Protein backbone atom coordinates (compact mmCIF):
# COMPACT_ATOMS: atom_id res chain seq x y z
CA MET A 1 54.92 46.90 56.83
CA ILE A 2 51.26 47.50 55.95
CA ILE A 3 50.38 46.47 52.39
CA MET A 4 47.52 48.42 50.88
CA SER A 5 45.11 46.61 48.62
CA VAL A 6 42.81 48.24 46.06
CA GLU A 7 39.67 46.21 45.39
CA ASN A 8 36.37 46.95 43.71
CA ARG A 9 32.90 45.46 43.78
CA GLU A 10 29.82 45.74 41.57
CA VAL A 11 26.34 44.95 42.87
CA HIS A 12 22.81 45.37 41.48
CA MET A 13 20.75 47.24 44.02
CA MET A 14 18.42 50.24 44.36
CA GLY A 15 17.31 49.80 40.76
CA THR A 16 20.81 50.47 39.40
CA VAL A 17 24.36 49.12 39.18
CA ILE A 18 26.43 50.18 42.19
CA GLN A 19 30.22 50.27 42.00
CA LEU A 20 32.47 50.45 45.06
CA LEU A 21 36.25 50.83 45.16
CA VAL A 22 38.29 50.69 48.37
CA GLN A 23 41.97 51.06 49.24
CA HIS A 24 42.69 49.37 52.57
CA PRO A 25 44.86 46.49 53.94
CA HIS A 26 41.63 44.45 54.23
CA ALA A 27 39.77 45.90 51.26
CA ASN A 28 37.57 42.86 50.57
CA LEU A 29 36.34 42.74 54.16
CA ILE A 30 35.50 46.45 53.94
CA LEU A 31 33.60 45.87 50.69
CA ASN A 32 31.62 43.03 52.27
CA GLU A 33 30.61 45.34 55.10
CA MET A 34 29.67 48.16 52.71
CA VAL A 35 27.40 45.83 50.69
CA MET A 36 25.63 44.88 53.94
CA LYS A 37 25.28 48.57 54.77
CA LEU A 38 23.77 49.24 51.33
CA GLU A 39 21.23 46.45 51.88
CA GLU A 40 20.34 48.01 55.23
CA TYR A 41 19.92 51.47 53.68
CA GLU A 42 17.78 50.11 50.84
CA LYS A 43 15.45 48.52 53.40
CA ARG A 44 15.15 51.91 55.09
CA PHE A 45 14.83 54.42 52.24
CA SER A 46 13.23 52.50 49.36
CA ALA A 47 9.87 53.59 47.91
CA HIS A 48 9.71 50.34 45.90
CA ASP A 49 10.09 47.75 48.68
CA PRO A 50 6.67 47.30 50.38
CA GLN A 51 8.47 46.29 53.59
CA SER A 52 10.86 49.26 53.78
CA GLU A 53 10.71 51.68 56.68
CA LEU A 54 9.75 54.53 54.37
CA MET A 55 6.83 52.49 53.04
CA GLN A 56 5.48 52.08 56.58
CA VAL A 57 5.17 55.88 56.64
CA ASN A 58 3.38 55.84 53.28
CA LYS A 59 1.04 52.98 54.27
CA ASN A 60 -0.05 54.96 57.32
CA ALA A 61 -0.79 58.18 55.40
CA GLY A 62 -3.86 59.82 56.89
CA ILE A 63 -3.94 57.20 59.67
CA ARG A 64 -1.17 57.71 62.22
CA PRO A 65 2.38 59.01 62.76
CA VAL A 66 5.23 56.50 62.35
CA LYS A 67 8.40 56.62 64.43
CA VAL A 68 11.38 56.09 62.14
CA ASN A 69 15.14 55.61 62.26
CA PRO A 70 16.96 58.93 62.94
CA SER A 71 18.66 58.85 59.53
CA LEU A 72 15.34 58.41 57.69
CA TYR A 73 13.80 61.18 59.78
CA LYS A 74 16.74 63.46 58.96
CA LEU A 75 16.45 62.83 55.21
CA ILE A 76 12.67 63.41 55.18
CA LYS A 77 13.23 66.66 57.09
CA ILE A 78 15.88 67.76 54.56
CA GLY A 79 13.56 66.79 51.72
CA LYS A 80 10.63 68.74 53.14
CA LYS A 81 12.78 71.84 53.66
CA HIS A 82 13.92 71.88 50.03
CA SER A 83 10.52 70.88 48.61
CA ILE A 84 8.65 73.84 50.11
CA PRO A 85 10.17 76.80 48.16
CA LYS A 86 7.88 77.76 45.27
CA ASP A 87 10.76 77.89 42.78
CA SER A 88 12.02 74.42 43.71
CA SER A 89 11.48 71.59 41.22
CA LEU A 90 12.22 69.11 44.03
CA ASN A 91 9.18 67.63 45.79
CA ILE A 92 9.48 64.48 47.90
CA THR A 93 5.67 64.16 48.07
CA ILE A 94 5.38 63.72 44.29
CA GLY A 95 5.23 59.94 44.84
CA PRO A 96 1.55 59.52 43.78
CA LEU A 97 2.34 61.04 40.37
CA VAL A 98 5.56 59.02 40.01
CA GLN A 99 3.53 55.87 40.69
CA ALA A 100 0.84 56.90 38.20
CA TRP A 101 3.29 57.54 35.33
CA HIS A 102 5.73 54.75 36.36
CA ILE A 103 8.27 55.95 33.79
CA GLY A 104 11.28 53.67 33.62
CA PHE A 105 9.15 50.55 34.13
CA ASP A 106 7.41 48.25 31.63
CA ASP A 107 3.95 49.48 32.63
CA ALA A 108 4.67 53.20 32.08
CA LYS A 109 1.60 55.12 30.91
CA VAL A 110 0.14 58.59 30.47
CA PRO A 111 -2.42 59.16 33.26
CA SER A 112 -5.70 60.91 32.46
CA GLU A 113 -5.89 64.67 33.05
CA LYS A 114 -8.52 64.04 35.74
CA LYS A 115 -6.25 61.63 37.60
CA ILE A 116 -3.30 64.00 37.42
CA GLN A 117 -5.36 66.85 38.88
CA THR A 118 -6.64 64.60 41.68
CA LEU A 119 -3.13 63.41 42.56
CA LEU A 120 -1.68 66.94 42.56
CA ASN A 121 -3.77 67.60 45.68
CA LYS A 122 -1.81 64.84 47.44
CA THR A 123 1.62 66.28 46.63
CA GLN A 124 1.90 69.15 49.11
CA PRO A 125 5.14 69.01 51.18
CA ASN A 126 3.57 71.14 53.93
CA ASP A 127 1.27 68.17 54.61
CA ILE A 128 4.24 66.22 56.01
CA ILE A 129 4.00 66.58 59.80
CA LEU A 130 7.32 66.04 61.59
CA ASP A 131 7.80 65.61 65.33
CA ASP A 132 11.43 66.17 66.33
CA GLU A 133 10.85 64.87 69.86
CA THR A 134 9.43 61.48 68.87
CA GLN A 135 11.24 61.33 65.48
CA SER A 136 7.90 60.48 63.88
CA VAL A 137 6.48 61.28 60.45
CA PHE A 138 2.79 61.75 59.64
CA LEU A 139 1.26 62.30 56.22
CA LYS A 140 -1.94 64.29 56.68
CA HIS A 141 -3.99 62.74 53.88
CA THR A 142 -4.64 59.20 52.69
CA GLY A 143 -3.01 58.56 49.35
CA MET A 144 0.04 60.70 50.11
CA PHE A 145 3.33 59.03 49.22
CA ILE A 146 6.87 60.15 49.98
CA ASP A 147 9.41 59.18 47.33
CA LEU A 148 13.01 59.88 48.35
CA GLY A 149 14.44 58.71 45.01
CA ALA A 150 15.65 62.23 44.24
CA LEU A 151 17.71 62.40 47.46
CA ALA A 152 18.40 58.97 48.91
CA LYS A 153 21.42 57.95 46.80
CA GLY A 154 23.31 61.11 47.74
CA PHE A 155 22.42 60.70 51.40
CA ILE A 156 23.52 57.05 51.30
CA ALA A 157 26.79 57.96 49.54
CA ASP A 158 27.57 60.36 52.39
CA LEU A 159 26.84 57.61 54.93
CA ILE A 160 29.21 55.24 53.10
CA ILE A 161 31.96 57.89 53.13
CA ASP A 162 31.42 58.31 56.89
CA ASP A 163 31.92 54.54 57.19
CA PHE A 164 35.12 54.80 55.10
CA LYS A 165 36.48 57.35 57.56
CA THR A 166 35.56 55.22 60.59
CA LEU A 167 37.20 52.15 59.05
CA LYS A 168 40.32 54.13 58.09
CA VAL A 169 39.93 53.55 54.36
CA THR A 170 42.69 55.55 52.66
CA ALA A 171 40.91 55.99 49.32
CA GLY A 172 37.57 55.02 47.89
CA LEU A 173 34.94 55.65 45.27
CA VAL A 174 31.17 55.15 45.46
CA ASN A 175 29.15 55.10 42.23
CA LEU A 176 25.42 54.78 42.84
CA GLY A 177 24.35 54.95 39.20
CA GLY A 178 24.90 58.58 38.18
CA ASN A 179 25.85 59.63 41.67
CA VAL A 180 29.63 59.47 42.21
CA MET A 181 31.50 60.22 45.44
CA THR A 182 35.31 60.35 45.56
CA TYR A 183 37.37 59.95 48.73
CA GLY A 184 41.09 60.29 49.32
CA PHE A 185 43.87 60.25 46.73
CA ALA A 186 43.04 58.40 43.50
CA PRO A 187 45.37 55.36 43.44
CA LYS A 188 45.96 55.46 39.66
CA HIS A 189 46.78 59.15 39.23
CA ASP A 190 49.96 60.87 40.40
CA ASP A 191 48.14 64.15 41.10
CA GLY A 192 45.65 62.38 43.41
CA TYR A 193 42.58 63.51 41.47
CA TRP A 194 39.91 61.08 40.34
CA ARG A 195 38.70 61.35 36.73
CA ILE A 196 34.90 61.35 36.51
CA GLY A 197 33.16 61.29 33.14
CA ILE A 198 30.03 63.35 32.55
CA GLU A 199 27.78 61.33 30.25
CA HIS A 200 26.96 62.85 26.88
CA PRO A 201 23.14 63.07 26.90
CA PHE A 202 22.78 62.34 23.17
CA LEU A 203 25.29 59.53 22.69
CA SER A 204 25.42 55.94 23.94
CA ARG A 205 26.58 55.24 27.51
CA GLY A 206 30.33 55.62 27.97
CA ASN A 207 30.60 58.70 25.75
CA TYR A 208 31.49 61.77 27.81
CA ILE A 209 30.82 65.40 27.06
CA ALA A 210 33.25 66.36 29.84
CA ILE A 211 35.72 64.74 32.21
CA LEU A 212 36.22 66.25 35.64
CA LYS A 213 39.11 65.97 38.05
CA ALA A 214 37.62 65.51 41.52
CA PHE A 215 39.04 65.18 45.02
CA ASN A 216 36.86 64.44 48.09
CA GLN A 217 33.90 65.60 46.02
CA SER A 218 30.54 64.35 44.85
CA ILE A 219 29.38 64.50 41.23
CA VAL A 220 25.63 64.09 40.75
CA THR A 221 24.00 64.20 37.32
CA SER A 222 20.31 64.38 36.54
CA GLY A 223 19.00 64.24 32.98
CA ILE A 224 15.98 63.70 30.78
CA TYR A 225 17.74 61.03 28.70
CA GLU A 226 18.01 58.15 31.18
CA ARG A 227 14.39 57.13 31.87
CA LYS A 228 11.71 57.81 29.27
CA PHE A 229 9.01 56.17 27.19
CA THR A 230 7.13 56.94 23.98
CA PHE A 231 3.34 56.90 23.56
CA ASN A 232 1.43 58.04 20.47
CA ASN A 233 4.69 59.29 18.94
CA LYS A 234 5.42 61.53 21.93
CA THR A 235 8.34 60.89 24.28
CA TYR A 236 7.98 61.50 28.02
CA HIS A 237 10.92 61.73 30.46
CA HIS A 238 10.77 60.91 34.18
CA ILE A 239 11.36 64.33 35.78
CA LEU A 240 7.88 65.56 36.66
CA ASP A 241 6.73 69.16 37.07
CA ARG A 242 5.34 69.57 40.59
CA HIS A 243 2.88 72.21 39.35
CA THR A 244 1.43 70.47 36.28
CA GLY A 245 1.95 66.79 37.05
CA TYR A 246 3.47 66.27 33.60
CA PRO A 247 7.18 65.88 32.67
CA ILE A 248 8.98 69.20 33.05
CA GLU A 249 9.23 71.25 29.87
CA THR A 250 12.84 72.34 29.69
CA ASN A 251 15.71 73.18 27.37
CA ILE A 252 18.10 71.40 29.77
CA ALA A 253 19.26 67.90 28.81
CA SER A 254 21.38 67.31 31.91
CA LEU A 255 22.48 69.09 35.05
CA THR A 256 25.55 68.06 37.05
CA ILE A 257 26.26 69.38 40.54
CA VAL A 258 29.74 69.15 42.08
CA SER A 259 29.74 69.44 45.87
CA LYS A 260 31.43 68.28 49.07
CA LYS A 261 28.35 66.42 50.33
CA SER A 262 26.56 64.17 47.88
CA VAL A 263 23.14 64.96 49.32
CA ASP A 264 23.77 68.61 48.34
CA GLY A 265 24.26 67.47 44.76
CA GLU A 266 20.90 65.70 44.88
CA ILE A 267 19.21 68.71 46.47
CA TRP A 268 20.41 71.19 43.87
CA THR A 269 19.93 69.01 40.79
CA GLY A 270 16.39 68.53 42.08
CA ARG A 271 15.75 72.15 42.95
CA LEU A 272 17.24 73.67 39.79
CA PHE A 273 16.19 71.25 37.05
CA GLY A 274 13.61 72.91 34.85
CA GLN A 275 14.90 76.44 35.35
CA SER A 276 16.60 78.29 32.50
CA THR A 277 20.32 77.95 31.94
CA GLN A 278 20.86 81.54 33.09
CA GLN A 279 18.84 81.01 36.28
CA ILE A 280 20.77 77.84 37.09
CA MET A 281 24.16 79.45 36.52
CA ASN A 282 23.18 82.51 38.61
CA THR A 283 22.14 80.28 41.51
CA LEU A 284 25.35 78.26 41.24
CA ASP A 285 27.36 81.48 41.42
CA GLN A 286 25.57 82.28 44.70
CA LEU A 287 26.32 78.78 46.05
CA GLN A 288 30.03 78.94 45.20
CA ASP A 289 31.00 79.85 48.79
CA GLN A 290 29.42 76.56 49.91
CA GLY A 291 31.66 74.59 47.56
CA ILE A 292 28.81 73.92 45.13
CA SER A 293 29.30 74.27 41.36
CA GLY A 294 27.83 72.72 38.26
CA ILE A 295 27.64 71.86 34.58
CA VAL A 296 24.62 72.36 32.32
CA VAL A 297 24.13 70.66 28.97
CA THR A 298 21.28 72.01 26.85
CA LYS A 299 19.18 70.13 24.30
CA ASN A 300 21.18 71.98 21.65
CA GLY A 301 24.38 70.38 22.96
CA ASP A 302 25.74 73.60 24.45
CA LEU A 303 27.79 73.17 27.62
CA TYR A 304 27.96 75.72 30.44
CA TYR A 305 29.93 75.36 33.66
CA SER A 306 30.87 77.24 36.80
CA LYS A 307 34.11 79.23 36.49
CA SER A 308 35.51 77.42 39.53
CA LEU A 309 35.46 74.15 37.56
CA GLN A 310 37.54 75.39 34.63
CA PRO A 311 40.94 74.23 36.01
CA TYR A 312 39.49 70.73 36.63
CA LEU A 313 37.68 70.25 33.33
CA ILE A 314 40.29 68.30 31.45
CA GLU A 315 38.30 67.38 28.35
CA THR A 316 35.20 68.77 26.68
CA ASN A 317 33.51 67.83 23.44
CA PHE A 318 31.00 70.25 21.96
CA TYR A 319 28.37 68.92 19.56
């Protein structure tokens, strides 16, 4: 008789708290392996570790192409594809501006207008040169800087789920700080659905504006309430406008994407954030056939969600 064990693990990595839960006869061994995998992925995708593989690409901007691991190449290619559309708020080359503002860190500051305009010239995704044959990446201009922070957690969550499948994990949950991926039947619920809370953007952590039932789905939330700082009585959030170089002006407080692949959640929170509520909901309606839906919370506290989510939204609080 095989005895299933449910174990969880919490680690501090990737600038956040990561939570893993696994159901497997050797759950602790699986968790040990997953933590090692996460360390490997951080070394590959991080824009904060000077020794990461991604940073070797950035250090060689304007100098030479860098051959990279196939998974890093794939993510950069995905990022470039979704950064190019004019109506996309996602831009993986916005790194120079992210570094200049440094919102979320102790040395956050408001860059000068002159500096912002100079750096905007170094944030053009078409200036990423990809070579499929050699799996190399070249940034055309010195000072360019790819930041995969808007995509990497979702991509990594999908890699972890692939590992779960290979290792015959029967159920699992990956929480990469605002990016949640559910796998298999939830051990604590008879209906098999996991319960995932959607943070209330105006209340302290742990207060939910909605709770979703999810099964083999990713829930990714992006909001203007998590990372911010105040200077001269004005508050600045961390989601930058690719066109102006300043934080996006928006009536949206948070956007949650529900999808089968976690990287899709990252893509569409990134692409849609900053658009109007109506534009976001219209796009989500068009993406419904791909299993992509979402929840919008406005600064007024109004909550909008895709019709397909209604049967799985088990609690909502309107403020």
